[in-house]
Amino acid sequence: MAKSFDNLYPEICSFENLYQAWRKAAKGKRSCPAAASFEVSLSDELIQLQQELITQTWQPGEYYSFTILLPTSTAFDSAQATE
C-alpha cells in the first residue's frame, strides 16, 4: 500500500526544517562567497525563503557549470549556495 503524506508541505516550509537543510547544504562551503553572504543574514534569508515557499512564489536560480579535470574530465552543473 502506498504511503500518504498529507499536510507534508507545511513541515517542509517550517523554519526549523529550512535551517537544518541549510546546515547540511553549507557543510564544506562556508568559504564560498555566496554561502558566506547568505549566512551573514541567515535568519532573514530563511524567513524570506519560507515566505516564498508558503506563497509558492519561489523560483530556482541559474545553475553554473564547471569541469573537474583529474583524473578524467567530468562536467557538472551546480545550484548557487543560496538555492
PDB file of N, CA and C in Angstrom:
ATOM      1  N   MET A   1       0.850  -1.179   0.000  1.00  0.00           N
ATOM      2  CA  MET A   1       0.000   0.000   0.000  1.00  0.00           C
ATOM      3  C   MET A   1       0.895   1.242   0.000  1.00  0.00           C
ATOM      4  N   ALA A   2       0.518   2.244  -0.765  1.00  0.00           N
ATOM      5  CA  ALA A   2       1.289   3.482  -0.870  1.00  0.00           C
ATOM      6  C   ALA A   2       1.148   4.313   0.397  1.00  0.00           C
ATOM      7  N   LYS A   3       2.225   5.007   0.737  1.00  0.00           N
ATOM      8  CA  LYS A   3       2.189   5.894   1.896  1.00  0.00           C
ATOM      9  C   LYS A   3       1.478   7.185   1.527  1.00  0.00           C
ATOM     10  N   SER A   4       0.822   7.764   2.503  1.00  0.00           N
ATOM     11  CA  SER A   4       0.152   9.049   2.316  1.00  0.00           C
ATOM     12  C   SER A   4       0.941  10.119   3.064  1.00  0.00           C
ATOM     13  N   PHE A   5       1.184  11.234   2.398  1.00  0.00           N
ATOM     14  CA  PHE A   5       1.947  12.316   3.005  1.00  0.00           C
ATOM     15  C   PHE A   5       1.104  13.585   3.069  1.00  0.00           C
ATOM     16  N   ASP A   6      -0.089  13.463   3.607  1.00  0.00           N
ATOM     17  CA  ASP A   6      -0.971  14.619   3.748  1.00  0.00           C
ATOM     18  C   ASP A   6      -0.328  15.660   4.649  1.00  0.00           C
ATOM     19  N   ASN A   7      -0.495  16.900   4.288  1.00  0.00           N
ATOM     20  CA  ASN A   7      -0.022  18.030   5.087  1.00  0.00           C
ATOM     21  C   ASN A   7       1.490  18.025   5.297  1.00  0.00           C
ATOM     22  N   LEU A   8       2.245  17.509   4.340  1.00  0.00           N
ATOM     23  CA  LEU A   8       3.698  17.487   4.448  1.00  0.00           C
ATOM     24  C   LEU A   8       4.306  18.841   4.087  1.00  0.00           C
ATOM     25  N   TYR A   9       3.666  19.591   3.207  1.00  0.00           N
ATOM     26  CA  TYR A   9       4.219  20.864   2.746  1.00  0.00           C
ATOM     27  C   TYR A   9       4.480  21.848   3.887  1.00  0.00           C
ATOM     28  N   PRO A  10       3.570  22.017   4.856  1.00  0.00           N
ATOM     29  CA  PRO A  10       3.877  22.918   5.978  1.00  0.00           C
ATOM     30  C   PRO A  10       5.126  22.495   6.755  1.00  0.00           C
ATOM     31  N   GLU A  11       5.346  21.198   6.880  1.00  0.00           N
ATOM     32  CA  GLU A  11       6.545  20.722   7.573  1.00  0.00           C
ATOM     33  C   GLU A  11       7.797  21.048   6.758  1.00  0.00           C
ATOM     34  N   ILE A  12       7.709  20.899   5.446  1.00  0.00           N
ATOM     35  CA  ILE A  12       8.834  21.233   4.568  1.00  0.00           C
ATOM     36  C   ILE A  12       9.165  22.711   4.685  1.00  0.00           C
ATOM     37  N   CYS A  13       8.149  23.554   4.786  1.00  0.00           N
ATOM     38  CA  CYS A  13       8.324  25.009   4.835  1.00  0.00           C
ATOM     39  C   CYS A  13       8.664  25.538   6.223  1.00  0.00           C
ATOM     40  N   SER A  14       8.716  24.684   7.219  1.00  0.00           N
ATOM     41  CA  SER A  14       8.974  25.166   8.578  1.00  0.00           C
ATOM     42  C   SER A  14      10.378  25.754   8.682  1.00  0.00           C
ATOM     43  N   PHE A  15      10.521  26.755   9.537  1.00  0.00           N
ATOM     44  CA  PHE A  15      11.811  27.417   9.713  1.00  0.00           C
ATOM     45  C   PHE A  15      12.866  26.418  10.161  1.00  0.00           C
ATOM     46  N   GLU A  16      12.520  25.543  11.087  1.00  0.00           N
ATOM     47  CA  GLU A  16      13.477  24.556  11.600  1.00  0.00           C
ATOM     48  C   GLU A  16      13.964  23.640  10.480  1.00  0.00           C
ATOM     49  N   ASN A  17      13.059  23.190   9.618  1.00  0.00           N
ATOM     50  CA  ASN A  17      13.452  22.327   8.507  1.00  0.00           C
ATOM     51  C   ASN A  17      14.378  23.061   7.539  1.00  0.00           C
ATOM     52  N   LEU A  18      14.051  24.314   7.225  1.00  0.00           N
ATOM     53  CA  LEU A  18      14.896  25.103   6.328  1.00  0.00           C
ATOM     54  C   LEU A  18      16.274  25.336   6.947  1.00  0.00           C
ATOM     55  N   TYR A  19      16.310  25.570   8.252  1.00  0.00           N
ATOM     56  CA  TYR A  19      17.587  25.776   8.942  1.00  0.00           C
ATOM     57  C   TYR A  19      18.444  24.507   8.888  1.00  0.00           C
ATOM     58  N   GLN A  20      17.831  23.362   9.167  1.00  0.00           N
ATOM     59  CA  GLN A  20      18.573  22.099   9.115  1.00  0.00           C
ATOM     60  C   GLN A  20      19.065  21.814   7.696  1.00  0.00           C
ATOM     61  N   ALA A  21      18.250  22.121   6.700  1.00  0.00           N
ATOM     62  CA  ALA A  21      18.659  21.934   5.303  1.00  0.00           C
ATOM     63  C   ALA A  21      19.844  22.831   4.974  1.00  0.00           C
ATOM     64  N   TRP A  22      19.818  24.082   5.477  1.00  0.00           N
ATOM     65  CA  TRP A  22      20.943  24.990   5.242  1.00  0.00           C
ATOM     66  C   TRP A  22      22.220  24.438   5.866  1.00  0.00           C
ATOM     67  N   ARG A  23      22.121  23.929   7.085  1.00  0.00           N
ATOM     68  CA  ARG A  23      23.315  23.386   7.753  1.00  0.00           C
ATOM     69  C   ARG A  23      23.928  22.252   6.945  1.00  0.00           C
ATOM     70  N   LYS A  24      23.081  21.370   6.411  1.00  0.00           N
ATOM     71  CA  LYS A  24      23.589  20.258   5.602  1.00  0.00           C
ATOM     72  C   LYS A  24      24.184  20.769   4.291  1.00  0.00           C
ATOM     73  N   ALA A  25      23.510  21.700   3.650  1.00  0.00           N
ATOM     74  CA  ALA A  25      23.968  22.212   2.355  1.00  0.00           C
ATOM     75  C   ALA A  25      25.242  23.035   2.486  1.00  0.00           C
ATOM     76  N   ALA A  26      25.424  23.712   3.608  1.00  0.00           N
ATOM     77  CA  ALA A  26      26.568  24.612   3.786  1.00  0.00           C
ATOM     78  C   ALA A  26      27.840  23.886   4.205  1.00  0.00           C
ATOM     79  N   LYS A  27      27.723  22.625   4.588  1.00  0.00           N
ATOM     80  CA  LYS A  27      28.909  21.879   5.015  1.00  0.00           C
ATOM     81  C   LYS A  27      29.959  21.896   3.916  1.00  0.00           C
ATOM     82  N   GLY A  28      31.148  22.377   4.265  1.00  0.00           N
ATOM     83  CA  GLY A  28      32.242  22.428   3.316  1.00  0.00           C
ATOM     84  C   GLY A  28      32.178  23.591   2.339  1.00  0.00           C
ATOM     85  N   LYS A  29      31.154  24.438   2.444  1.00  0.00           N
ATOM     86  CA  LYS A  29      31.001  25.552   1.512  1.00  0.00           C
ATOM     87  C   LYS A  29      31.061  26.904   2.212  1.00  0.00           C
ATOM     88  N   ARG A  30      31.447  26.937   3.452  1.00  0.00           N
ATOM     89  CA  ARG A  30      31.419  28.188   4.208  1.00  0.00           C
ATOM     90  C   ARG A  30      32.405  29.226   3.681  1.00  0.00           C
ATOM     91  N   SER A  31      33.423  28.791   2.952  1.00  0.00           N
ATOM     92  CA  SER A  31      34.372  29.755   2.383  1.00  0.00           C
ATOM     93  C   SER A  31      33.885  30.308   1.047  1.00  0.00           C
ATOM     94  N   CYS A  32      32.844  29.731   0.497  1.00  0.00           N
ATOM     95  CA  CYS A  32      32.262  30.209  -0.763  1.00  0.00           C
ATOM     96  C   CYS A  32      31.623  31.576  -0.519  1.00  0.00           C
ATOM     97  N   PRO A  33      31.928  32.584  -1.342  1.00  0.00           N
ATOM     98  CA  PRO A  33      31.375  33.928  -1.116  1.00  0.00           C
ATOM     99  C   PRO A  33      29.845  33.968  -1.042  1.00  0.00           C
ATOM    100  N   ALA A  34      29.159  33.222  -1.906  1.00  0.00           N
ATOM    101  CA  ALA A  34      27.693  33.233  -1.892  1.00  0.00           C
ATOM    102  C   ALA A  34      27.156  32.637  -0.592  1.00  0.00           C
ATOM    103  N   ALA A  35      27.774  31.555  -0.127  1.00  0.00           N
ATOM    104  CA  ALA A  35      27.339  30.924   1.121  1.00  0.00           C
ATOM    105  C   ALA A  35      27.622  31.832   2.308  1.00  0.00           C
ATOM    106  N   ALA A  36      28.787  32.472   2.307  1.00  0.00           N
ATOM    107  CA  ALA A  36      29.144  33.380   3.402  1.00  0.00           C
ATOM    108  C   ALA A  36      28.194  34.568   3.449  1.00  0.00           C
ATOM    109  N   SER A  37      27.853  35.104   2.292  1.00  0.00           N
ATOM    110  CA  SER A  37      26.926  36.234   2.218  1.00  0.00           C
ATOM    111  C   SER A  37      25.542  35.839   2.731  1.00  0.00           C
ATOM    112  N   PHE A  38      25.085  34.654   2.342  1.00  0.00           N
ATOM    113  CA  PHE A  38      23.785  34.152   2.782  1.00  0.00           C
ATOM    114  C   PHE A  38      23.781  33.975   4.295  1.00  0.00           C
ATOM    115  N   GLU A  39      24.891  33.468   4.837  1.00  0.00           N
ATOM    116  CA  GLU A  39      24.957  33.166   6.268  1.00  0.00           C
ATOM    117  C   GLU A  39      25.003  34.422   7.134  1.00  0.00           C
ATOM    118  N   VAL A  40      25.520  35.518   6.598  1.00  0.00           N
ATOM    119  CA  VAL A  40      25.582  36.774   7.358  1.00  0.00           C
ATOM    120  C   VAL A  40      24.186  37.186   7.807  1.00  0.00           C
ATOM    121  N   SER A  41      23.217  37.031   6.921  1.00  0.00           N
ATOM    122  CA  SER A  41      21.833  37.385   7.261  1.00  0.00           C
ATOM    123  C   SER A  41      20.958  36.134   7.178  1.00  0.00           C
ATOM    124  N   LEU A  42      21.443  35.047   7.759  1.00  0.00           N
ATOM    125  CA  LEU A  42      20.797  33.742   7.649  1.00  0.00           C
ATOM    126  C   LEU A  42      19.336  33.762   8.062  1.00  0.00           C
ATOM    127  N   SER A  43      19.033  34.334   9.208  1.00  0.00           N
ATOM    128  CA  SER A  43      17.657  34.356   9.697  1.00  0.00           C
ATOM    129  C   SER A  43      16.734  35.063   8.706  1.00  0.00           C
ATOM    130  N   ASP A  44      17.145  36.241   8.241  1.00  0.00           N
ATOM    131  CA  ASP A  44      16.327  36.986   7.278  1.00  0.00           C
ATOM    132  C   ASP A  44      16.174  36.218   5.969  1.00  0.00           C
ATOM    133  N   GLU A  45      17.262  35.605   5.503  1.00  0.00           N
ATOM    134  CA  GLU A  45      17.222  34.845   4.247  1.00  0.00           C
ATOM    135  C   GLU A  45      16.273  33.653   4.367  1.00  0.00           C
ATOM    136  N   LEU A  46      16.324  32.947   5.500  1.00  0.00           N
ATOM    137  CA  LEU A  46      15.456  31.787   5.682  1.00  0.00           C
ATOM    138  C   LEU A  46      13.996  32.196   5.817  1.00  0.00           C
ATOM    139  N   ILE A  47      13.739  33.317   6.479  1.00  0.00           N
ATOM    140  CA  ILE A  47      12.360  33.813   6.593  1.00  0.00           C
ATOM    141  C   ILE A  47      11.827  34.180   5.213  1.00  0.00           C
ATOM    142  N   GLN A  48      12.658  34.837   4.401  1.00  0.00           N
ATOM    143  CA  GLN A  48      12.229  35.193   3.043  1.00  0.00           C
ATOM    144  C   GLN A  48      11.969  33.932   2.217  1.00  0.00           C
ATOM    145  N   LEU A  49      12.866  32.951   2.306  1.00  0.00           N
ATOM    146  CA  LEU A  49      12.678  31.693   1.590  1.00  0.00           C
ATOM    147  C   LEU A  49      11.404  30.997   2.049  1.00  0.00           C
ATOM    148  N   GLN A  50      11.167  30.998   3.349  1.00  0.00           N
ATOM    149  CA  GLN A  50       9.966  30.376   3.898  1.00  0.00           C
ATOM    150  C   GLN A  50       8.712  31.040   3.332  1.00  0.00           C
ATOM    151  N   GLN A  51       8.696  32.362   3.281  1.00  0.00           N
ATOM    152  CA  GLN A  51       7.537  33.079   2.743  1.00  0.00           C
ATOM    153  C   GLN A  51       7.332  32.766   1.260  1.00  0.00           C
ATOM    154  N   GLU A  52       8.425  32.697   0.507  1.00  0.00           N
ATOM    155  CA  GLU A  52       8.318  32.371  -0.916  1.00  0.00           C
ATOM    156  C   GLU A  52       7.794  30.951  -1.115  1.00  0.00           C
ATOM    157  N   LEU A  53       8.202  30.026  -0.265  1.00  0.00           N
ATOM    158  CA  LEU A  53       7.699  28.657  -0.366  1.00  0.00           C
ATOM    159  C   LEU A  53       6.226  28.585   0.007  1.00  0.00           C
ATOM    160  N   ILE A  54       5.849  29.268   1.073  1.00  0.00           N
ATOM    161  CA  ILE A  54       4.454  29.252   1.521  1.00  0.00           C
ATOM    162  C   ILE A  54       3.534  29.844   0.462  1.00  0.00           C
ATOM    163  N   THR A  55       3.964  30.953  -0.137  1.00  0.00           N
ATOM    164  CA  THR A  55       3.135  31.607  -1.162  1.00  0.00           C
ATOM    165  C   THR A  55       3.353  31.015  -2.553  1.00  0.00           C
ATOM    166  N   GLN A  56       4.222  30.025  -2.626  1.00  0.00           N
ATOM    167  CA  GLN A  56       4.550  29.330  -3.872  1.00  0.00           C
ATOM    168  C   GLN A  56       5.042  30.283  -4.954  1.00  0.00           C
ATOM    169  N   THR A  57       5.894  31.237  -4.545  1.00  0.00           N
ATOM    170  CA  THR A  57       6.485  32.181  -5.489  1.00  0.00           C
ATOM    171  C   THR A  57       7.985  31.958  -5.653  1.00  0.00           C
ATOM    172  N   TRP A  58       8.555  30.965  -4.966  1.00  0.00           N
ATOM    173  CA  TRP A  58       9.990  30.703  -5.058  1.00  0.00           C
ATOM    174  C   TRP A  58      10.346  30.207  -6.450  1.00  0.00           C
ATOM    175  N   GLN A  59      11.418  30.743  -6.999  1.00  0.00           N
ATOM    176  CA  GLN A  59      11.938  30.315  -8.295  1.00  0.00           C
ATOM    177  C   GLN A  59      13.410  29.953  -8.118  1.00  0.00           C
ATOM    178  N   PRO A  60      13.841  28.813  -8.651  1.00  0.00           N
ATOM    179  CA  PRO A  60      15.259  28.465  -8.533  1.00  0.00           C
ATOM    180  C   PRO A  60      16.112  29.406  -9.363  1.00  0.00           C
ATOM    181  N   GLY A  61      17.322  29.649  -8.897  1.00  0.00           N
ATOM    182  CA  GLY A  61      18.254  30.494  -9.636  1.00  0.00           C
ATOM    183  C   GLY A  61      18.933  29.702 -10.737  1.00  0.00           C
ATOM    184  N   GLU A  62      19.822  30.377 -11.444  1.00  0.00           N
ATOM    185  CA  GLU A  62      20.552  29.719 -12.518  1.00  0.00           C
ATOM    186  C   GLU A  62      21.622  28.794 -11.951  1.00  0.00           C
ATOM    187  N   TYR A  63      21.867  27.715 -12.671  1.00  0.00           N
ATOM    188  CA  TYR A  63      22.943  26.803 -12.324  1.00  0.00           C
ATOM    189  C   TYR A  63      24.230  27.291 -12.969  1.00  0.00           C
ATOM    190  N   TYR A  64      25.345  26.937 -12.385  1.00  0.00           N
ATOM    191  CA  TYR A  64      26.614  27.233 -13.032  1.00  0.00           C
ATOM    192  C   TYR A  64      27.305  25.913 -13.333  1.00  0.00           C
ATOM    193  N   SER A  65      28.042  25.894 -14.422  1.00  0.00           N
ATOM    194  CA  SER A  65      28.711  24.681 -14.881  1.00  0.00           C
ATOM    195  C   SER A  65      30.200  24.773 -14.612  1.00  0.00           C
ATOM    196  N   PHE A  66      30.794  23.638 -14.307  1.00  0.00           N
ATOM    197  CA  PHE A  66      32.235  23.576 -14.121  1.00  0.00           C
ATOM    198  C   PHE A  66      32.708  22.179 -14.491  1.00  0.00           C
ATOM    199  N   THR A  67      33.982  22.051 -14.750  1.00  0.00           N
ATOM    200  CA  THR A  67      34.569  20.775 -15.144  1.00  0.00           C
ATOM    201  C   THR A  67      35.714  20.438 -14.202  1.00  0.00           C
ATOM    202  N   ILE A  68      35.745  19.198 -13.767  1.00  0.00           N
ATOM    203  CA  ILE A  68      36.855  18.692 -12.967  1.00  0.00           C
ATOM    204  C   ILE A  68      37.720  17.858 -13.904  1.00  0.00           C
ATOM    205  N   LEU A  69      39.001  18.174 -13.969  1.00  0.00           N
ATOM    206  CA  LEU A  69      39.874  17.579 -14.974  1.00  0.00           C
ATOM    207  C   LEU A  69      40.652  16.351 -14.520  1.00  0.00           C
ATOM    208  N   LEU A  70      40.753  16.103 -13.229  1.00  0.00           N
ATOM    209  CA  LEU A  70      41.563  14.975 -12.774  1.00  0.00           C
ATOM    210  C   LEU A  70      40.707  13.885 -12.188  1.00  0.00           C
ATOM    211  N   PRO A  71      40.903  12.627 -12.401  1.00  0.00           N
ATOM    212  CA  PRO A  71      41.795  12.002 -13.367  1.00  0.00           C
ATOM    213  C   PRO A  71      41.228  12.029 -14.788  1.00  0.00           C
ATOM    214  N   THR A  72      39.915  12.164 -14.927  1.00  0.00           N
ATOM    215  CA  THR A  72      39.328  12.323 -16.258  1.00  0.00           C
ATOM    216  C   THR A  72      38.457  13.563 -16.242  1.00  0.00           C
ATOM    217  N   SER A  73      38.150  14.075 -17.391  1.00  0.00           N
ATOM    218  CA  SER A  73      37.335  15.285 -17.496  1.00  0.00           C
ATOM    219  C   SER A  73      35.862  14.954 -17.252  1.00  0.00           C
ATOM    220  N   THR A  74      35.271  15.584 -16.252  1.00  0.00           N
ATOM    221  CA  THR A  74      33.866  15.371 -15.915  1.00  0.00           C
ATOM    222  C   THR A  74      33.191  16.720 -15.727  1.00  0.00           C
ATOM    223  N   ALA A  75      32.066  16.923 -16.413  1.00  0.00           N
ATOM    224  CA  ALA A  75      31.338  18.191 -16.321  1.00  0.00           C
ATOM    225  C   ALA A  75      30.236  18.076 -15.273  1.00  0.00           C
ATOM    226  N   PHE A  76      30.005  19.166 -14.539  1.00  0.00           N
ATOM    227  CA  PHE A  76      28.983  19.222 -13.504  1.00  0.00           C
ATOM    228  C   PHE A  76      28.168  20.494 -13.651  1.00  0.00           C
ATOM    229  N   ASP A  77      26.936  20.462 -13.183  1.00  0.00           N
ATOM    230  CA  ASP A  77      26.103  21.650 -13.030  1.00  0.00           C
ATOM    231  C   ASP A  77      25.733  21.734 -11.563  1.00  0.00           C
ATOM    232  N   SER A  78      25.780  22.931 -11.013  1.00  0.00           N
ATOM    233  CA  SER A  78      25.524  23.100  -9.586  1.00  0.00           C
ATOM    234  C   SER A  78      24.666  24.331  -9.346  1.00  0.00           C
ATOM    235  N   ALA A  79      23.781  24.238  -8.366  1.00  0.00           N
ATOM    236  CA  ALA A  79      22.975  25.389  -7.966  1.00  0.00           C
ATOM    237  C   ALA A  79      23.837  26.319  -7.125  1.00  0.00           C
ATOM    238  N   GLN A  80      23.465  27.572  -7.066  1.00  0.00           N
ATOM    239  CA  GLN A  80      24.159  28.534  -6.219  1.00  0.00           C
ATOM    240  C   GLN A  80      23.962  28.135  -4.760  1.00  0.00           C
ATOM    241  N   ALA A  81      24.834  28.590  -3.898  1.00  0.00           N
ATOM    242  CA  ALA A  81      24.768  28.239  -2.475  1.00  0.00           C
ATOM    243  C   ALA A  81      23.454  28.678  -1.844  1.00  0.00           C
ATOM    244  N   THR A  82      22.854  29.731  -2.356  1.00  0.00           N
ATOM    245  CA  THR A  82      21.616  30.232  -1.766  1.00  0.00           C
ATOM    246  C   THR A  82      20.393  29.485  -2.265  1.00  0.00           C
ATOM    247  N   GLU A  83      20.557  28.561  -3.167  1.00  0.00           N
ATOM    248  CA  GLU A  83      19.431  27.795  -3.686  1.00  0.00           C
ATOM    249  C   GLU A  83      19.239  26.588  -2.815  1.00  0.00           C
TER     250      GLU A  83
END
